[in-house]
Amino acid sequence: MQCAVCEQNGEPGDDQAAAHAWATGHLKANPEHFTHREIITRPCRLKPGAWQ
């Protein structure tokens, strides 16, 4: 997660509950920081083929 106000990030990981807990804790510490982003990265592998 990333705070959209100050751009501070939580720890990266696979646990969505931990990400939401970070956002909640950040909001409690910074009541005006109520907008956050969930950053998701998906792997992608391209293979050579007809497009070459």
PDB file of N, CA and C in Angstrom:
ATOM      1  N   MET A   1       0.841  -1.178   0.000  1.00  0.00           N
ATOM      2  CA  MET A   1       0.000   0.000   0.000  1.00  0.00           C
ATOM      3  C   MET A   1       0.881   1.233   0.000  1.00  0.00           C
ATOM      4  N   GLN A   2       0.314   2.286  -0.552  1.00  0.00           N
ATOM      5  CA  GLN A   2       1.005   3.569  -0.577  1.00  0.00           C
ATOM      6  C   GLN A   2       0.014   4.661  -0.216  1.00  0.00           C
ATOM      7  N   CYS A   3       0.440   5.566   0.628  1.00  0.00           N
ATOM      8  CA  CYS A   3      -0.376   6.728   0.955  1.00  0.00           C
ATOM      9  C   CYS A   3      -0.340   7.678  -0.237  1.00  0.00           C
ATOM     10  N   ALA A   4      -1.516   8.052  -0.735  1.00  0.00           N
ATOM     11  CA  ALA A   4      -1.585   8.955  -1.889  1.00  0.00           C
ATOM     12  C   ALA A   4      -1.304  10.400  -1.497  1.00  0.00           C
ATOM     13  N   VAL A   5      -1.272  10.688  -0.203  1.00  0.00           N
ATOM     14  CA  VAL A   5      -1.017  12.054   0.260  1.00  0.00           C
ATOM     15  C   VAL A   5       0.491  12.292   0.405  1.00  0.00           C
ATOM     16  N   CYS A   6       1.179  11.420   1.142  1.00  0.00           N
ATOM     17  CA  CYS A   6       2.612  11.625   1.404  1.00  0.00           C
ATOM     18  C   CYS A   6       3.506  10.636   0.658  1.00  0.00           C
ATOM     19  N   GLU A   7       2.901   9.676  -0.032  1.00  0.00           N
ATOM     20  CA  GLU A   7       3.596   8.655  -0.815  1.00  0.00           C
ATOM     21  C   GLU A   7       4.454   7.716   0.019  1.00  0.00           C
ATOM     22  N   GLN A   8       4.206   7.646   1.320  1.00  0.00           N
ATOM     23  CA  GLN A   8       4.888   6.670   2.166  1.00  0.00           C
ATOM     24  C   GLN A   8       4.320   5.294   1.840  1.00  0.00           C
ATOM     25  N   ASN A   9       5.182   4.254   1.858  1.00  0.00           N
ATOM     26  CA  ASN A   9       4.777   2.897   1.514  1.00  0.00           C
ATOM     27  C   ASN A   9       4.823   1.974   2.715  1.00  0.00           C
ATOM     28  N   GLY A  10       3.926   1.011   2.724  1.00  0.00           N
ATOM     29  CA  GLY A  10       4.012  -0.088   3.669  1.00  0.00           C
ATOM     30  C   GLY A  10       5.006  -1.107   3.130  1.00  0.00           C
ATOM     31  N   GLU A  11       5.283  -2.130   3.916  1.00  0.00           N
ATOM     32  CA  GLU A  11       6.209  -3.175   3.482  1.00  0.00           C
ATOM     33  C   GLU A  11       5.582  -3.998   2.359  1.00  0.00           C
ATOM     34  N   PRO A  12       6.335  -4.279   1.299  1.00  0.00           N
ATOM     35  CA  PRO A  12       5.795  -5.141   0.247  1.00  0.00           C
ATOM     36  C   PRO A  12       5.613  -6.567   0.763  1.00  0.00           C
ATOM     37  N   GLY A  13       4.641  -7.260   0.224  1.00  0.00           N
ATOM     38  CA  GLY A  13       4.402  -8.640   0.628  1.00  0.00           C
ATOM     39  C   GLY A  13       3.129  -9.178   0.006  1.00  0.00           C
ATOM     40  N   ASP A  14       2.855 -10.439   0.284  1.00  0.00           N
ATOM     41  CA  ASP A  14       1.690 -11.120  -0.284  1.00  0.00           C
ATOM     42  C   ASP A  14       0.467 -11.071   0.620  1.00  0.00           C
ATOM     43  N   ASP A  15       0.617 -10.562   1.826  1.00  0.00           N
ATOM     44  CA  ASP A  15      -0.476 -10.583   2.800  1.00  0.00           C
ATOM     45  C   ASP A  15      -1.313  -9.304   2.693  1.00  0.00           C
ATOM     46  N   GLN A  16      -2.496  -9.443   2.099  1.00  0.00           N
ATOM     47  CA  GLN A  16      -3.364  -8.281   1.904  1.00  0.00           C
ATOM     48  C   GLN A  16      -3.832  -7.710   3.242  1.00  0.00           C
ATOM     49  N   ALA A  17      -4.053  -8.573   4.219  1.00  0.00           N
ATOM     50  CA  ALA A  17      -4.488  -8.100   5.537  1.00  0.00           C
ATOM     51  C   ALA A  17      -3.418  -7.214   6.175  1.00  0.00           C
ATOM     52  N   ALA A  18      -2.149  -7.578   6.002  1.00  0.00           N
ATOM     53  CA  ALA A  18      -1.055  -6.770   6.550  1.00  0.00           C
ATOM     54  C   ALA A  18      -0.992  -5.411   5.849  1.00  0.00           C
ATOM     55  N   ALA A  19      -1.235  -5.401   4.546  1.00  0.00           N
ATOM     56  CA  ALA A  19      -1.226  -4.139   3.799  1.00  0.00           C
ATOM     57  C   ALA A  19      -2.342  -3.227   4.284  1.00  0.00           C
ATOM     58  N   HIS A  20      -3.515  -3.779   4.498  1.00  0.00           N
ATOM     59  CA  HIS A  20      -4.639  -2.975   4.975  1.00  0.00           C
ATOM     60  C   HIS A  20      -4.412  -2.519   6.416  1.00  0.00           C
ATOM     61  N   ALA A  21      -3.760  -3.358   7.208  1.00  0.00           N
ATOM     62  CA  ALA A  21      -3.439  -2.968   8.584  1.00  0.00           C
ATOM     63  C   ALA A  21      -2.459  -1.797   8.585  1.00  0.00           C
ATOM     64  N   TRP A  22      -1.489  -1.811   7.654  1.00  0.00           N
ATOM     65  CA  TRP A  22      -0.560  -0.692   7.557  1.00  0.00           C
ATOM     66  C   TRP A  22      -1.317   0.590   7.214  1.00  0.00           C
ATOM     67  N   ALA A  23      -2.223   0.508   6.232  1.00  0.00           N
ATOM     68  CA  ALA A  23      -2.981   1.692   5.817  1.00  0.00           C
ATOM     69  C   ALA A  23      -3.818   2.223   6.979  1.00  0.00           C
ATOM     70  N   THR A  24      -4.430   1.339   7.737  1.00  0.00           N
ATOM     71  CA  THR A  24      -5.232   1.746   8.884  1.00  0.00           C
ATOM     72  C   THR A  24      -4.360   2.430   9.933  1.00  0.00           C
ATOM     73  N   GLY A  25      -3.198   1.844  10.208  1.00  0.00           N
ATOM     74  CA  GLY A  25      -2.274   2.446  11.171  1.00  0.00           C
ATOM     75  C   GLY A  25      -1.761   3.800  10.701  1.00  0.00           C
ATOM     76  N   HIS A  26      -1.496   3.906   9.406  1.00  0.00           N
ATOM     77  CA  HIS A  26      -1.023   5.177   8.856  1.00  0.00           C
ATOM     78  C   HIS A  26      -2.113   6.241   8.975  1.00  0.00           C
ATOM     79  N   LEU A  27      -3.348   5.841   8.734  1.00  0.00           N
ATOM     80  CA  LEU A  27      -4.471   6.774   8.861  1.00  0.00           C
ATOM     81  C   LEU A  27      -4.654   7.227  10.308  1.00  0.00           C
ATOM     82  N   LYS A  28      -4.515   6.300  11.244  1.00  0.00           N
ATOM     83  CA  LYS A  28      -4.644   6.672  12.666  1.00  0.00           C
ATOM     84  C   LYS A  28      -3.567   7.665  13.068  1.00  0.00           C
ATOM     85  N   ALA A  29      -2.358   7.487  12.530  1.00  0.00           N
ATOM     86  CA  ALA A  29      -1.257   8.393  12.860  1.00  0.00           C
ATOM     87  C   ALA A  29      -1.338   9.715  12.089  1.00  0.00           C
ATOM     88  N   ASN A  30      -2.042   9.685  10.958  1.00  0.00           N
ATOM     89  CA  ASN A  30      -2.151  10.863  10.082  1.00  0.00           C
ATOM     90  C   ASN A  30      -3.606  10.993   9.625  1.00  0.00           C
ATOM     91  N   PRO A  31      -4.492  11.515  10.444  1.00  0.00           N
ATOM     92  CA  PRO A  31      -5.931  11.523  10.139  1.00  0.00           C
ATOM     93  C   PRO A  31      -6.314  12.199   8.823  1.00  0.00           C
ATOM     94  N   GLU A  32      -5.456  13.048   8.299  1.00  0.00           N
ATOM     95  CA  GLU A  32      -5.767  13.714   7.029  1.00  0.00           C
ATOM     96  C   GLU A  32      -5.323  12.877   5.819  1.00  0.00           C
ATOM     97  N   HIS A  33      -4.655  11.742   6.045  1.00  0.00           N
ATOM     98  CA  HIS A  33      -4.165  10.870   4.962  1.00  0.00           C
ATOM     99  C   HIS A  33      -5.160   9.725   4.756  1.00  0.00           C
ATOM    100  N   PHE A  34      -6.299  10.033   4.156  1.00  0.00           N
ATOM    101  CA  PHE A  34      -7.351   9.023   4.020  1.00  0.00           C
ATOM    102  C   PHE A  34      -7.412   8.385   2.634  1.00  0.00           C
ATOM    103  N   THR A  35      -6.486   8.743   1.729  1.00  0.00           N
ATOM    104  CA  THR A  35      -6.472   8.139   0.392  1.00  0.00           C
ATOM    105  C   THR A  35      -5.204   7.310   0.238  1.00  0.00           C
ATOM    106  N   HIS A  36      -5.382   6.046  -0.140  1.00  0.00           N
ATOM    107  CA  HIS A  36      -4.257   5.116  -0.311  1.00  0.00           C
ATOM    108  C   HIS A  36      -4.378   4.391  -1.648  1.00  0.00           C
ATOM    109  N   ARG A  37      -3.261   3.857  -2.095  1.00  0.00           N
ATOM    110  CA  ARG A  37      -3.215   3.045  -3.320  1.00  0.00           C
ATOM    111  C   ARG A  37      -2.764   1.636  -2.961  1.00  0.00           C
ATOM    112  N   GLU A  38      -3.414   0.663  -3.564  1.00  0.00           N
ATOM    113  CA  GLU A  38      -2.935  -0.710  -3.468  1.00  0.00           C
ATOM    114  C   GLU A  38      -2.132  -0.965  -4.735  1.00  0.00           C
ATOM    115  N   ILE A  39      -0.865  -1.289  -4.571  1.00  0.00           N
ATOM    116  CA  ILE A  39       0.023  -1.492  -5.717  1.00  0.00           C
ATOM    117  C   ILE A  39       0.171  -2.990  -5.939  1.00  0.00           C
ATOM    118  N   ILE A  40      -0.246  -3.433  -7.123  1.00  0.00           N
ATOM    119  CA  ILE A  40      -0.204  -4.849  -7.469  1.00  0.00           C
ATOM    120  C   ILE A  40       0.727  -5.030  -8.659  1.00  0.00           C
ATOM    121  N   THR A  41       1.645  -5.994  -8.562  1.00  0.00           N
ATOM    122  CA  THR A  41       2.557  -6.312  -9.645  1.00  0.00           C
ATOM    123  C   THR A  41       2.288  -7.739 -10.088  1.00  0.00           C
ATOM    124  N   ARG A  42       2.093  -7.914 -11.392  1.00  0.00           N
ATOM    125  CA  ARG A  42       1.870  -9.251 -11.950  1.00  0.00           C
ATOM    126  C   ARG A  42       3.031  -9.589 -12.874  1.00  0.00           C
ATOM    127  N   PRO A  43       3.607 -10.772 -12.723  1.00  0.00           N
ATOM    128  CA  PRO A  43       4.698 -11.162 -13.611  1.00  0.00           C
ATOM    129  C   PRO A  43       4.167 -11.457 -15.017  1.00  0.00           C
ATOM    130  N   CYS A  44       5.007 -11.225 -16.000  1.00  0.00           N
ATOM    131  CA  CYS A  44       4.644 -11.484 -17.388  1.00  0.00           C
ATOM    132  C   CYS A  44       5.896 -11.927 -18.128  1.00  0.00           C
ATOM    133  N   ARG A  45       5.815 -13.043 -18.825  1.00  0.00           N
ATOM    134  CA  ARG A  45       6.947 -13.509 -19.619  1.00  0.00           C
ATOM    135  C   ARG A  45       6.505 -13.612 -21.070  1.00  0.00           C
ATOM    136  N   LEU A  46       7.233 -12.937 -21.944  1.00  0.00           N
ATOM    137  CA  LEU A  46       6.946 -12.988 -23.373  1.00  0.00           C
ATOM    138  C   LEU A  46       7.838 -14.037 -24.022  1.00  0.00           C
ATOM    139  N   LYS A  47       7.278 -14.760 -24.985  1.00  0.00           N
ATOM    140  CA  LYS A  47       8.037 -15.777 -25.697  1.00  0.00           C
ATOM    141  C   LYS A  47       8.172 -15.369 -27.156  1.00  0.00           C
ATOM    142  N   PRO A  48       9.356 -15.620 -27.743  1.00  0.00           N
ATOM    143  CA  PRO A  48       9.541 -15.330 -29.149  1.00  0.00           C
ATOM    144  C   PRO A  48       8.511 -16.101 -29.984  1.00  0.00           C
ATOM    145  N   GLY A  49       8.092 -15.505 -31.061  1.00  0.00           N
ATOM    146  CA  GLY A  49       7.129 -16.167 -31.922  1.00  0.00           C
ATOM    147  C   GLY A  49       6.950 -15.396 -33.218  1.00  0.00           C
ATOM    148  N   ALA A  50       5.780 -15.470 -33.780  1.00  0.00           N
ATOM    149  CA  ALA A  50       5.485 -14.874 -35.077  1.00  0.00           C
ATOM    150  C   ALA A  50       5.622 -13.348 -35.049  1.00  0.00           C
ATOM    151  N   TRP A  51       5.525 -12.720 -33.881  1.00  0.00           N
ATOM    152  CA  TRP A  51       5.592 -11.269 -33.792  1.00  0.00           C
ATOM    153  C   TRP A  51       6.973 -10.709 -34.104  1.00  0.00           C
ATOM    154  N   GLN A  52       8.002 -11.592 -34.112  1.00  0.00           N
ATOM    155  CA  GLN A  52       9.375 -11.107 -34.355  1.00  0.00           C
ATOM    156  C   GLN A  52       9.414 -10.553 -35.717  1.00  0.00           C
TER     157      GLN A  52
END
